[in-house]
């Protein structure tokens, strides 16, 4: 198997990247290993729809994995 053909991105990472590509504004905050998501700006309709249909509907543990890939409010 050729290593260049191996898809190294997890489903969680792909979902987070697609949400951000659609213009999503949610950001992750991790404090004492507890993840919360903050949103100060309204998402574009496509990003909001994607979040509701593809991310919000996941189990809590799967959703946390996606949230962990969002940009952090703890870093610039």
Protein backbone atom coordinates (compact mmCIF):
# COMPACT_ATOMS: atom_id res chain seq x y z
CA UNK A 1 0.00 0.00 0.00
CA UNK A 2 1.30 3.43 -0.92
CA UNK A 3 1.44 5.70 2.14
CA UNK A 4 0.46 8.72 0.06
CA UNK A 5 -2.94 7.15 -0.62
CA UNK A 6 -3.77 6.67 3.07
CA UNK A 7 -6.44 9.03 4.39
CA UNK A 8 -5.11 10.16 7.76
CA UNK A 9 -7.99 12.48 8.63
CA UNK A 10 -10.58 11.18 11.05
CA UNK A 11 -14.28 11.70 10.46
CA UNK A 12 -14.28 14.21 13.33
CA UNK A 13 -11.54 16.28 11.73
CA UNK A 14 -13.29 16.19 8.36
CA UNK A 15 -16.54 17.40 9.93
CA UNK A 16 -14.79 20.25 11.76
CA UNK A 17 -12.91 21.32 8.63
CA UNK A 18 -16.09 21.32 6.53
CA UNK A 19 -17.96 23.35 9.14
CA UNK A 20 -15.15 25.93 9.19
CA UNK A 21 -14.92 25.93 5.38
CA UNK A 22 -18.62 26.83 5.29
CA UNK A 23 -17.81 29.87 7.44
CA UNK A 24 -18.74 28.52 10.89
CA UNK A 25 -17.85 30.72 13.86
CA UNK A 26 -18.06 28.33 16.82
CA UNK A 27 -14.90 28.11 18.91
CA UNK A 28 -13.75 25.53 21.42
CA UNK A 29 -12.85 26.25 25.03
CA UNK A 30 -11.06 23.53 26.96
CA UNK A 31 -10.71 24.03 30.69
CA UNK A 32 -9.66 21.21 33.00
CA UNK A 33 -10.30 18.77 30.14
CA UNK A 34 -13.91 19.95 29.83
CA UNK A 35 -14.81 21.12 26.34
CA UNK A 36 -17.41 23.79 25.73
CA UNK A 37 -18.29 25.55 22.50
CA UNK A 38 -18.74 29.30 22.30
CA UNK A 39 -20.37 31.26 19.53
CA UNK A 40 -20.34 35.06 19.45
CA UNK A 41 -21.32 35.54 15.82
CA UNK A 42 -24.18 33.93 13.94
CA UNK A 43 -23.10 31.28 11.46
CA UNK A 44 -23.86 31.60 7.77
CA UNK A 45 -26.97 29.52 6.95
CA UNK A 46 -24.93 26.74 5.27
CA UNK A 47 -22.62 26.36 8.26
CA UNK A 48 -25.51 26.40 10.74
CA UNK A 49 -27.40 23.77 8.74
CA UNK A 50 -24.26 21.62 8.52
CA UNK A 51 -23.69 21.90 12.29
CA UNK A 52 -27.29 20.96 13.10
CA UNK A 53 -27.48 18.07 10.63
CA UNK A 54 -23.97 16.63 10.82
CA UNK A 55 -22.53 17.54 14.23
CA UNK A 56 -25.34 18.28 16.70
CA UNK A 57 -26.97 14.95 15.89
CA UNK A 58 -23.85 12.97 16.94
CA UNK A 59 -23.51 11.26 20.29
CA UNK A 60 -21.98 13.45 23.00
CA UNK A 61 -18.60 11.72 22.76
CA UNK A 62 -18.48 11.95 18.95
CA UNK A 63 -19.60 15.59 19.04
CA UNK A 64 -16.82 16.37 21.57
CA UNK A 65 -14.27 14.93 19.15
CA UNK A 66 -15.47 17.34 16.45
CA UNK A 67 -15.53 20.26 18.91
CA UNK A 68 -11.93 19.53 19.91
CA UNK A 69 -10.88 20.32 16.32
CA UNK A 70 -12.49 23.76 16.32
CA UNK A 71 -10.17 26.74 16.79
CA UNK A 72 -9.55 27.40 20.47
CA UNK A 73 -10.49 30.62 22.21
CA UNK A 74 -7.43 30.00 24.41
CA UNK A 75 -4.98 30.79 21.61
CA UNK A 76 -4.65 33.79 19.29
